[in-house]
């Protein structure tokens, strides 16, 4: 990989796009240069504030990828991002729209589930994103109560997840990590030297040892990247499952309400018909 310099990082950040491939490629480069984690975080924060609003979320996606996938190699990035990540959340939240805030909330949810940071940092992130109104984590029972209230207020279901959101979530899973044949082939083609520890006995000099070390590092980066993508895919599938469950529940409640209204309407029509029938029978056939 190319050598690290702040100028090189600035150039790479200027070329960063919101595609998964772009984020992961730069993330791997940063993790490779993790010994420069402090200047990397400094440049990242500076360029984040200079970036256009429609690019700011991508910077946080990059930070998320680096923080999570670098943990196995060391705590450098998790530690060095901690002092700036709360202000970064505030900045991006204030500079972008509600849709962007939903994506920020998704990143935060993942960090909470995986305990990426201590509770005090996570609490600050919640306040930065939601304010005092949603700053405290809710219990499972509170969440279920809210779901019930949201979906059946005054006996009628509220808006279910939008169909376009479901379609978008399904489309994103079309290119999920589990279906990436190219990566599957790369993993299957890893040299046997990185899989069989018994071959360490064949190392006879420094050069062969360094060569094996490089192969192992490259294999670890490939697998760490793929594991991170698989973990993200699992979260995406869980989220889609919740969305589909909410959508189905709300549709069932809407159907039940419509059926009840139809039953009442039909009962009224039948009752009205019977009243008129009795009236005409009495009129033409008086007792």
C-alpha atoms as a PDB file:
ATOM      1  CA  UNK A   1       0.000   0.000   0.000  1.00  0.00           C
ATOM      2  CA  UNK A   2       1.065   3.612  -0.557  1.00  0.00           C
ATOM      3  CA  UNK A   3       2.898   5.460   2.223  1.00  0.00           C
ATOM      4  CA  UNK A   4       0.942   7.606   4.642  1.00  0.00           C
ATOM      5  CA  UNK A   5       0.996  11.385   4.597  1.00  0.00           C
ATOM      6  CA  UNK A   6      -1.607  13.983   5.514  1.00  0.00           C
ATOM      7  CA  UNK A   7      -1.620  15.239   1.935  1.00  0.00           C
ATOM      8  CA  UNK A   8      -2.278  11.695   0.659  1.00  0.00           C
ATOM      9  CA  UNK A   9      -5.130  11.287   3.146  1.00  0.00           C
ATOM     10  CA  UNK A  10      -6.671  14.632   2.170  1.00  0.00           C
ATOM     11  CA  UNK A  11      -6.606  13.558  -1.474  1.00  0.00           C
ATOM     12  CA  UNK A  12      -8.203  10.193  -0.686  1.00  0.00           C
ATOM     13  CA  UNK A  13     -10.917  11.868   1.420  1.00  0.00           C
ATOM     14  CA  UNK A  14     -11.655  14.303  -1.415  1.00  0.00           C
ATOM     15  CA  UNK A  15     -12.169  11.308  -3.716  1.00  0.00           C
ATOM     16  CA  UNK A  16     -14.278   9.349  -1.214  1.00  0.00           C
ATOM     17  CA  UNK A  17     -17.728   8.429  -2.524  1.00  0.00           C
ATOM     18  CA  UNK A  18     -20.725   6.965  -0.716  1.00  0.00           C
ATOM     19  CA  UNK A  19     -20.289   3.558  -2.359  1.00  0.00           C
ATOM     20  CA  UNK A  20     -19.514   0.631  -0.091  1.00  0.00           C
ATOM     21  CA  UNK A  21     -16.410  -0.207  -2.125  1.00  0.00           C
ATOM     22  CA  UNK A  22     -14.997   3.312  -1.798  1.00  0.00           C
ATOM     23  CA  UNK A  23     -15.554   3.409   1.971  1.00  0.00           C
ATOM     24  CA  UNK A  24     -14.081  -0.040   2.545  1.00  0.00           C
ATOM     25  CA  UNK A  25     -11.037   0.577   0.350  1.00  0.00           C
ATOM     26  CA  UNK A  26     -10.098   3.753   2.220  1.00  0.00           C
ATOM     27  CA  UNK A  27     -10.911   2.084   5.541  1.00  0.00           C
ATOM     28  CA  UNK A  28      -8.438  -0.721   4.830  1.00  0.00           C
ATOM     29  CA  UNK A  29      -5.771   1.829   3.901  1.00  0.00           C
ATOM     30  CA  UNK A  30      -6.320   3.705   7.168  1.00  0.00           C
ATOM     31  CA  UNK A  31      -6.236   0.521   9.236  1.00  0.00           C
ATOM     32  CA  UNK A  32      -2.996  -0.434   7.528  1.00  0.00           C
ATOM     33  CA  UNK A  33      -1.557   2.906   8.692  1.00  0.00           C
ATOM     34  CA  UNK A  34      -3.093   2.693  12.184  1.00  0.00           C
ATOM     35  CA  UNK A  35       0.161   3.810  13.809  1.00  0.00           C
ATOM     36  CA  UNK A  36      -0.759   7.262  12.423  1.00  0.00           C
ATOM     37  CA  UNK A  37      -4.235   7.117  13.975  1.00  0.00           C
ATOM     38  CA  UNK A  38      -4.006  10.511  15.699  1.00  0.00           C
ATOM     39  CA  UNK A  39      -3.130  12.582  12.624  1.00  0.00           C
ATOM     40  CA  UNK A  40      -5.620  10.495  10.620  1.00  0.00           C
ATOM     41  CA  UNK A  41      -8.456  11.428  13.004  1.00  0.00           C
ATOM     42  CA  UNK A  42      -7.342  15.086  12.990  1.00  0.00           C
ATOM     43  CA  UNK A  43      -7.387  15.252   9.182  1.00  0.00           C
ATOM     44  CA  UNK A  44     -10.673  13.319   9.062  1.00  0.00           C
ATOM     45  CA  UNK A  45     -12.393  15.804  11.388  1.00  0.00           C
ATOM     46  CA  UNK A  46     -11.009  18.810   9.528  1.00  0.00           C
ATOM     47  CA  UNK A  47     -12.082  17.498   6.136  1.00  0.00           C
ATOM     48  CA  UNK A  48     -15.498  16.462   7.517  1.00  0.00           C
ATOM     49  CA  UNK A  49     -16.247  20.059   8.477  1.00  0.00           C
ATOM     50  CA  UNK A  50     -15.110  21.294   5.066  1.00  0.00           C
ATOM     51  CA  UNK A  51     -17.128  18.719   3.130  1.00  0.00           C
ATOM     52  CA  UNK A  52     -20.419  19.522   1.421  1.00  0.00           C
ATOM     53  CA  UNK A  53     -23.540  18.469   3.380  1.00  0.00           C
ATOM     54  CA  UNK A  54     -24.308  15.598   0.989  1.00  0.00           C
ATOM     55  CA  UNK A  55     -20.861  14.068   1.663  1.00  0.00           C
ATOM     56  CA  UNK A  56     -20.719  14.382   5.454  1.00  0.00           C
ATOM     57  CA  UNK A  57     -22.597  11.168   6.194  1.00  0.00           C
ATOM     58  CA  UNK A  58     -20.031   9.231   4.133  1.00  0.00           C
ATOM     59  CA  UNK A  59     -17.284  10.488   6.461  1.00  0.00           C
ATOM     60  CA  UNK A  60     -19.127   8.959   9.412  1.00  0.00           C
ATOM     61  CA  UNK A  61     -19.623   5.720   7.488  1.00  0.00           C
ATOM     62  CA  UNK A  62     -15.860   5.687   7.000  1.00  0.00           C
ATOM     63  CA  UNK A  63     -15.254   6.296  10.715  1.00  0.00           C
ATOM     64  CA  UNK A  64     -17.704   3.512  11.563  1.00  0.00           C
ATOM     65  CA  UNK A  65     -15.936   1.053   9.254  1.00  0.00           C
ATOM     66  CA  UNK A  66     -12.490   1.971  10.598  1.00  0.00           C
ATOM     67  CA  UNK A  67     -13.518   1.844  14.256  1.00  0.00           C
ATOM     68  CA  UNK A  68     -15.210  -1.546  13.985  1.00  0.00           C
ATOM     69  CA  UNK A  69     -12.757  -3.309  11.691  1.00  0.00           C
ATOM     70  CA  UNK A  70      -9.623  -2.055  13.442  1.00  0.00           C
ATOM     71  CA  UNK A  71     -10.573  -3.376  16.889  1.00  0.00           C
ATOM     72  CA  UNK A  72      -8.947  -6.764  16.290  1.00  0.00           C
ATOM     73  CA  UNK A  73      -5.624  -5.116  15.456  1.00  0.00           C
ATOM     74  CA  UNK A  74      -5.655  -2.622  18.296  1.00  0.00           C
ATOM     75  CA  UNK A  75      -7.639   0.082  20.133  1.00  0.00           C
ATOM     76  CA  UNK A  76      -5.945   3.049  18.454  1.00  0.00           C
ATOM     77  CA  UNK A  77      -8.821   4.289  16.317  1.00  0.00           C
ATOM     78  CA  UNK A  78     -11.535   3.614  18.889  1.00  0.00           C
ATOM     79  CA  UNK A  79      -9.545   5.614  21.413  1.00  0.00           C
ATOM     80  CA  UNK A  80      -8.540   8.487  19.098  1.00  0.00           C
ATOM     81  CA  UNK A  81     -12.000   8.936  17.564  1.00  0.00           C
ATOM     82  CA  UNK A  82     -13.651   9.103  21.015  1.00  0.00           C
ATOM     83  CA  UNK A  83     -12.787  12.786  21.777  1.00  0.00           C
ATOM     84  CA  UNK A  84     -14.152  14.035  18.430  1.00  0.00           C
ATOM     85  CA  UNK A  85     -16.960  11.655  17.507  1.00  0.00           C
ATOM     86  CA  UNK A  86     -19.667  13.363  19.607  1.00  0.00           C
ATOM     87  CA  UNK A  87     -19.009  16.779  18.056  1.00  0.00           C
ATOM     88  CA  UNK A  88     -18.859  15.107  14.651  1.00  0.00           C
ATOM     89  CA  UNK A  89     -22.335  13.633  15.220  1.00  0.00           C
ATOM     90  CA  UNK A  90     -23.625  17.056  16.284  1.00  0.00           C
ATOM     91  CA  UNK A  91     -22.085  18.704  13.248  1.00  0.00           C
ATOM     92  CA  UNK A  92     -23.446  16.211  10.707  1.00  0.00           C
ATOM     93  CA  UNK A  93     -26.855  16.164  12.385  1.00  0.00           C
ATOM     94  CA  UNK A  94     -27.122  19.950  12.225  1.00  0.00           C
ATOM     95  CA  UNK A  95     -25.905  20.178   8.625  1.00  0.00           C
ATOM     96  CA  UNK A  96     -28.101  17.476   7.072  1.00  0.00           C
ATOM     97  CA  UNK A  97     -31.761  16.488   6.704  1.00  0.00           C
ATOM     98  CA  UNK A  98     -34.001  14.092   8.634  1.00  0.00           C
ATOM     99  CA  UNK A  99     -33.238  11.188   6.315  1.00  0.00           C
ATOM    100  CA  UNK A 100     -29.543  11.559   7.082  1.00  0.00           C
ATOM    101  CA  UNK A 101     -30.322  11.579  10.814  1.00  0.00           C
ATOM    102  CA  UNK A 102     -32.047   8.217  10.406  1.00  0.00           C
ATOM    103  CA  UNK A 103     -28.834   6.791   8.961  1.00  0.00           C
ATOM    104  CA  UNK A 104     -26.868   8.312  11.844  1.00  0.00           C
ATOM    105  CA  UNK A 105     -29.293   6.670  14.234  1.00  0.00           C
ATOM    106  CA  UNK A 106     -28.623   3.354  12.536  1.00  0.00           C
ATOM    107  CA  UNK A 107     -24.868   3.736  13.068  1.00  0.00           C
ATOM    108  CA  UNK A 108     -25.488   4.632  16.705  1.00  0.00           C
ATOM    109  CA  UNK A 109     -27.750   1.592  17.180  1.00  0.00           C
ATOM    110  CA  UNK A 110     -25.000  -0.685  15.892  1.00  0.00           C
ATOM    111  CA  UNK A 111     -22.480   0.888  18.271  1.00  0.00           C
ATOM    112  CA  UNK A 112     -24.900   0.385  21.162  1.00  0.00           C
ATOM    113  CA  UNK A 113     -25.557  -3.248  20.271  1.00  0.00           C
ATOM    114  CA  UNK A 114     -21.836  -3.996  19.966  1.00  0.00           C
ATOM    115  CA  UNK A 115     -20.731  -1.772  22.879  1.00  0.00           C
ATOM    116  CA  UNK A 116     -18.224   0.001  20.658  1.00  0.00           C
ATOM    117  CA  UNK A 117     -17.943   2.802  23.261  1.00  0.00           C
ATOM    118  CA  UNK A 118     -18.610   3.149  26.959  1.00  0.00           C
ATOM    119  CA  UNK A 119     -22.125   4.080  28.057  1.00  0.00           C
ATOM    120  CA  UNK A 120     -21.225   7.702  28.810  1.00  0.00           C
ATOM    121  CA  UNK A 121     -19.974   8.239  25.245  1.00  0.00           C
ATOM    122  CA  UNK A 122     -23.029   6.487  23.793  1.00  0.00           C
ATOM    123  CA  UNK A 123     -25.254   8.691  25.959  1.00  0.00           C
ATOM    124  CA  UNK A 124     -23.533  11.803  24.605  1.00  0.00           C
ATOM    125  CA  UNK A 125     -24.015  10.523  21.062  1.00  0.00           C
ATOM    126  CA  UNK A 126     -27.731   9.945  21.708  1.00  0.00           C
ATOM    127  CA  UNK A 127     -28.072  13.486  23.043  1.00  0.00           C
ATOM    128  CA  UNK A 128     -26.130  14.877  20.083  1.00  0.00           C
ATOM    129  CA  UNK A 129     -28.461  13.119  17.664  1.00  0.00           C
ATOM    130  CA  UNK A 130     -31.841  13.207  19.398  1.00  0.00           C
ATOM    131  CA  UNK A 131     -31.563  15.875  22.083  1.00  0.00           C
ATOM    132  CA  UNK A 132     -32.933  15.413  25.604  1.00  0.00           C
ATOM    133  CA  UNK A 133     -36.227  14.066  24.316  1.00  0.00           C
ATOM    134  CA  UNK A 134     -34.695  10.751  23.225  1.00  0.00           C
ATOM    135  CA  UNK A 135     -31.448  10.828  25.105  1.00  0.00           C
ATOM    136  CA  UNK A 136     -32.179   7.899  27.387  1.00  0.00           C
ATOM    137  CA  UNK A 137     -32.296   4.315  26.195  1.00  0.00           C
ATOM    138  CA  UNK A 138     -35.739   2.812  26.513  1.00  0.00           C
ATOM    139  CA  UNK A 139     -36.467  -0.572  27.982  1.00  0.00           C
ATOM    140  CA  UNK A 140     -37.839  -3.392  25.848  1.00  0.00           C
ATOM    141  CA  UNK A 141     -41.246  -2.973  27.492  1.00  0.00           C
ATOM    142  CA  UNK A 142     -41.299   0.759  26.687  1.00  0.00           C
ATOM    143  CA  UNK A 143     -40.396   0.080  23.063  1.00  0.00           C
ATOM    144  CA  UNK A 144     -43.220  -2.469  22.723  1.00  0.00           C
ATOM    145  CA  UNK A 145     -45.702  -0.022  24.280  1.00  0.00           C
ATOM    146  CA  UNK A 146     -44.605   2.685  21.838  1.00  0.00           C
ATOM    147  CA  UNK A 147     -44.934   0.294  18.902  1.00  0.00           C
ATOM    148  CA  UNK A 148     -48.472  -0.620  19.919  1.00  0.00           C
ATOM    149  CA  UNK A 149     -49.434   3.024  20.380  1.00  0.00           C
ATOM    150  CA  UNK A 150     -47.893   4.045  17.075  1.00  0.00           C
ATOM    151  CA  UNK A 151     -49.642   1.325  15.115  1.00  0.00           C
ATOM    152  CA  UNK A 152     -53.117   1.473  16.665  1.00  0.00           C
ATOM    153  CA  UNK A 153     -53.882   4.925  17.989  1.00  0.00           C
ATOM    154  CA  UNK A 154     -57.600   5.251  18.772  1.00  0.00           C
ATOM    155  CA  UNK A 155     -58.243   1.881  17.177  1.00  0.00           C
ATOM    156  CA  UNK A 156     -56.806   2.752  13.752  1.00  0.00           C
ATOM    157  CA  UNK A 157     -53.326   1.860  12.490  1.00  0.00           C
ATOM    158  CA  UNK A 158     -50.789   4.595  11.865  1.00  0.00           C
ATOM    159  CA  UNK A 159     -48.629   4.773   8.766  1.00  0.00           C
ATOM    160  CA  UNK A 160     -46.649   1.563   8.216  1.00  0.00           C
ATOM    161  CA  UNK A 161     -43.083   1.652   6.853  1.00  0.00           C
ATOM    162  CA  UNK A 162     -43.170   3.197   3.401  1.00  0.00           C
ATOM    163  CA  UNK A 163     -43.168   0.743   0.496  1.00  0.00           C
ATOM    164  CA  UNK A 164     -40.289   2.621  -1.118  1.00  0.00           C
ATOM    165  CA  UNK A 165     -38.199   2.058   2.039  1.00  0.00           C
ATOM    166  CA  UNK A 166     -38.882  -1.679   1.883  1.00  0.00           C
ATOM    167  CA  UNK A 167     -37.951  -1.793  -1.803  1.00  0.00           C
ATOM    168  CA  UNK A 168     -34.760   0.158  -1.163  1.00  0.00           C
ATOM    169  CA  UNK A 169     -33.780  -2.152   1.714  1.00  0.00           C
ATOM    170  CA  UNK A 170     -34.360  -5.216  -0.475  1.00  0.00           C
ATOM    171  CA  UNK A 171     -32.366  -3.711  -3.342  1.00  0.00           C
ATOM    172  CA  UNK A 172     -29.431  -2.962  -1.036  1.00  0.00           C
ATOM    173  CA  UNK A 173     -29.354  -6.634  -0.010  1.00  0.00           C
ATOM    174  CA  UNK A 174     -29.009  -7.692  -3.642  1.00  0.00           C
ATOM    175  CA  UNK A 175     -25.311  -6.776  -3.379  1.00  0.00           C
ATOM    176  CA  UNK A 176     -24.872  -8.163   0.134  1.00  0.00           C
ATOM    177  CA  UNK A 177     -21.569  -9.632   1.297  1.00  0.00           C
ATOM    178  CA  UNK A 178     -22.903 -13.200   1.474  1.00  0.00           C
ATOM    179  CA  UNK A 179     -23.478 -13.132  -2.287  1.00  0.00           C
ATOM    180  CA  UNK A 180     -20.118 -11.616  -3.239  1.00  0.00           C
ATOM    181  CA  UNK A 181     -18.697 -14.384  -5.439  1.00  0.00           C
ATOM    182  CA  UNK A 182     -15.490 -12.458  -6.122  1.00  0.00           C
ATOM    183  CA  UNK A 183     -14.595 -12.272  -2.425  1.00  0.00           C
ATOM    184  CA  UNK A 184     -15.559 -15.919  -1.957  1.00  0.00           C
ATOM    185  CA  UNK A 185     -13.090 -16.816  -4.698  1.00  0.00           C
ATOM    186  CA  UNK A 186     -10.348 -14.633  -3.178  1.00  0.00           C
ATOM    187  CA  UNK A 187     -10.789 -16.304   0.216  1.00  0.00           C
ATOM    188  CA  UNK A 188     -10.836 -19.785  -1.339  1.00  0.00           C
ATOM    189  CA  UNK A 189      -7.631 -18.908  -3.214  1.00  0.00           C
ATOM    190  CA  UNK A 190      -5.656 -17.830  -0.156  1.00  0.00           C
ATOM    191  CA  UNK A 191      -2.269 -19.559  -0.105  1.00  0.00           C
ATOM    192  CA  UNK A 192      -1.987 -22.611   2.085  1.00  0.00           C
ATOM    193  CA  UNK A 193       0.833 -20.927   4.007  1.00  0.00           C
ATOM    194  CA  UNK A 194      -1.627 -18.630   5.809  1.00  0.00           C
ATOM    195  CA  UNK A 195      -3.835 -21.538   6.872  1.00  0.00           C
ATOM    196  CA  UNK A 196      -1.421 -24.271   7.992  1.00  0.00           C
ATOM    197  CA  UNK A 197       0.705 -23.352  11.031  1.00  0.00           C
ATOM    198  CA  UNK A 198       2.859 -26.443  10.515  1.00  0.00           C
ATOM    199  CA  UNK A 199       4.424 -24.682   7.534  1.00  0.00           C
ATOM    200  CA  UNK A 200       6.051 -22.202   9.921  1.00  0.00           C
ATOM    201  CA  UNK A 201       8.758 -24.799  10.411  1.00  0.00           C
ATOM    202  CA  UNK A 202       9.836 -24.259   6.805  1.00  0.00           C
ATOM    203  CA  UNK A 203      10.847 -20.647   7.429  1.00  0.00           C
ATOM    204  CA  UNK A 204      14.609 -20.619   7.148  1.00  0.00           C
ATOM    205  CA  UNK A 205      15.532 -16.936   6.841  1.00  0.00           C
ATOM    206  CA  UNK A 206      14.303 -13.412   7.512  1.00  0.00           C
ATOM    207  CA  UNK A 207      13.200 -12.838   3.939  1.00  0.00           C
ATOM    208  CA  UNK A 208      10.880 -15.853   3.859  1.00  0.00           C
ATOM    209  CA  UNK A 209       9.544 -14.871   7.291  1.00  0.00           C
ATOM    210  CA  UNK A 210       8.752 -11.320   6.136  1.00  0.00           C
ATOM    211  CA  UNK A 211       7.118 -12.693   2.997  1.00  0.00           C
ATOM    212  CA  UNK A 212       4.884 -14.980   5.041  1.00  0.00           C
ATOM    213  CA  UNK A 213       4.086 -12.128   7.453  1.00  0.00           C
ATOM    214  CA  UNK A 214       2.925  -9.977   4.537  1.00  0.00           C
ATOM    215  CA  UNK A 215       0.731 -12.776   3.189  1.00  0.00           C
ATOM    216  CA  UNK A 216      -0.827 -13.259   6.631  1.00  0.00           C
ATOM    217  CA  UNK A 217      -1.449  -9.508   7.002  1.00  0.00           C
ATOM    218  CA  UNK A 218      -3.113  -9.336   3.588  1.00  0.00           C
ATOM    219  CA  UNK A 219      -5.266 -12.373   4.417  1.00  0.00           C
ATOM    220  CA  UNK A 220      -6.258 -10.888   7.782  1.00  0.00           C
ATOM    221  CA  UNK A 221      -7.265  -7.601   6.127  1.00  0.00           C
ATOM    222  CA  UNK A 222      -9.350  -9.464   3.544  1.00  0.00           C
ATOM    223  CA  UNK A 223     -11.092 -11.561   6.203  1.00  0.00           C
ATOM    224  CA  UNK A 224     -11.574  -8.653   8.608  1.00  0.00           C
ATOM    225  CA  UNK A 225     -13.143  -6.617   5.823  1.00  0.00           C
ATOM    226  CA  UNK A 226     -15.426  -9.495   4.835  1.00  0.00           C
ATOM    227  CA  UNK A 227     -16.398 -10.168   8.457  1.00  0.00           C
ATOM    228  CA  UNK A 228     -17.302  -6.505   8.861  1.00  0.00           C
ATOM    229  CA  UNK A 229     -19.452  -6.620   5.740  1.00  0.00           C
ATOM    230  CA  UNK A 230     -21.169  -9.806   6.930  1.00  0.00           C
ATOM    231  CA  UNK A 231     -21.877  -8.224  10.329  1.00  0.00           C
ATOM    232  CA  UNK A 232     -23.380  -5.184   8.580  1.00  0.00           C
ATOM    233  CA  UNK A 233     -25.467  -7.486   6.377  1.00  0.00           C
ATOM    234  CA  UNK A 234     -26.813  -9.295   9.453  1.00  0.00           C
ATOM    235  CA  UNK A 235     -27.854  -5.945  10.937  1.00  0.00           C
ATOM    236  CA  UNK A 236     -29.471  -4.934   7.632  1.00  0.00           C
ATOM    237  CA  UNK A 237     -31.425  -8.189   7.485  1.00  0.00           C
ATOM    238  CA  UNK A 238     -32.581  -7.785  11.088  1.00  0.00           C
ATOM    239  CA  UNK A 239     -33.731  -4.251  10.306  1.00  0.00           C
ATOM    240  CA  UNK A 240     -35.553  -5.456   7.184  1.00  0.00           C
ATOM    241  CA  UNK A 241     -37.233  -8.196   9.219  1.00  0.00           C
ATOM    242  CA  UNK A 242     -38.493  -5.587  11.701  1.00  0.00           C
ATOM    243  CA  UNK A 243     -39.701  -3.364   8.863  1.00  0.00           C
ATOM    244  CA  UNK A 244     -41.560  -6.226   7.193  1.00  0.00           C
ATOM    245  CA  UNK A 245     -43.049  -7.296  10.524  1.00  0.00           C
ATOM    246  CA  UNK A 246     -44.262  -3.748  11.238  1.00  0.00           C
ATOM    247  CA  UNK A 247     -45.599  -3.392   7.698  1.00  0.00           C
ATOM    248  CA  UNK A 248     -47.468  -6.714   7.894  1.00  0.00           C
ATOM    249  CA  UNK A 249     -48.889  -5.947  11.338  1.00  0.00           C
ATOM    250  CA  UNK A 250     -50.165  -2.545  10.266  1.00  0.00           C
ATOM    251  CA  UNK A 251     -51.649  -3.996   7.067  1.00  0.00           C
ATOM    252  CA  UNK A 252     -53.476  -6.652   9.104  1.00  0.00           C
ATOM    253  CA  UNK A 253     -54.858  -3.991  11.439  1.00  0.00           C
ATOM    254  CA  UNK A 254     -55.921  -1.851   8.469  1.00  0.00           C
ATOM    255  CA  UNK A 255     -57.613  -4.873   6.882  1.00  0.00           C
ATOM    256  CA  UNK A 256     -59.432  -5.714  10.137  1.00  0.00           C
ATOM    257  CA  UNK A 257     -60.642  -2.127  10.432  1.00  0.00           C
ATOM    258  CA  UNK A 258     -61.904  -2.082   6.818  1.00  0.00           C
ATOM    259  CA  UNK A 259     -63.649  -5.431   7.289  1.00  0.00           C
ATOM    260  CA  UNK A 260     -65.337  -4.124  10.442  1.00  0.00           C
ATOM    261  CA  UNK A 261     -66.515  -0.992   8.617  1.00  0.00           C
ATOM    262  CA  UNK A 262     -67.786  -3.109   5.740  1.00  0.00           C
ATOM    263  CA  UNK A 263     -69.652  -5.383   8.145  1.00  0.00           C
ATOM    264  CA  UNK A 264     -71.266  -2.379   9.856  1.00  0.00           C
ATOM    265  CA  UNK A 265     -72.191  -0.873   6.488  1.00  0.00           C
ATOM    266  CA  UNK A 266     -73.722  -4.143   5.269  1.00  0.00           C
ATOM    267  CA  UNK A 267     -75.657  -4.518   8.520  1.00  0.00           C
ATOM    268  CA  UNK A 268     -77.029  -0.990   8.096  1.00  0.00           C
ATOM    269  CA  UNK A 269     -78.037  -1.692   4.478  1.00  0.00           C
ATOM    270  CA  UNK A 270     -79.828  -4.884   5.483  1.00  0.00           C
ATOM    271  CA  UNK A 271     -81.541  -3.153   8.420  1.00  0.00           C
ATOM    272  CA  UNK A 272     -82.639  -0.265   6.176  1.00  0.00           C
ATOM    273  CA  UNK A 273     -83.977  -2.702   3.587  1.00  0.00           C
ATOM    274  CA  UNK A 274     -85.960  -4.618   6.227  1.00  0.00           C
ATOM    275  CA  UNK A 275     -87.500  -1.383   7.584  1.00  0.00           C
ATOM    276  CA  UNK A 276     -88.623  -0.358   4.083  1.00  0.00           C
ATOM    277  CA  UNK A 277     -89.957  -3.835   3.386  1.00  0.00           C
ATOM    278  CA  UNK A 278     -92.075  -3.776   6.556  1.00  0.00           C
ATOM    279  CA  UNK A 279     -93.340  -0.283   5.658  1.00  0.00           C
ATOM    280  CA  UNK A 280     -94.511  -1.316   2.180  1.00  0.00           C
ATOM    281  CA  UNK A 281     -96.032  -4.556   3.431  1.00  0.00           C
ATOM    282  CA  UNK A 282     -98.105  -2.611   5.968  1.00  0.00           C
ATOM    283  CA  UNK A 283     -99.093  -0.125   3.328  1.00  0.00           C
ATOM    284  CA  UNK A 284    -100.290  -2.579   0.702  1.00  0.00           C
ATOM    285  CA  UNK A 285    -101.417  -5.344   3.005  1.00  0.00           C
ATOM    286  CA  UNK A 286    -102.913  -3.626   6.045  1.00  0.00           C
ATOM    287  CA  UNK A 287    -103.987  -5.893   8.865  1.00  0.00           C
END
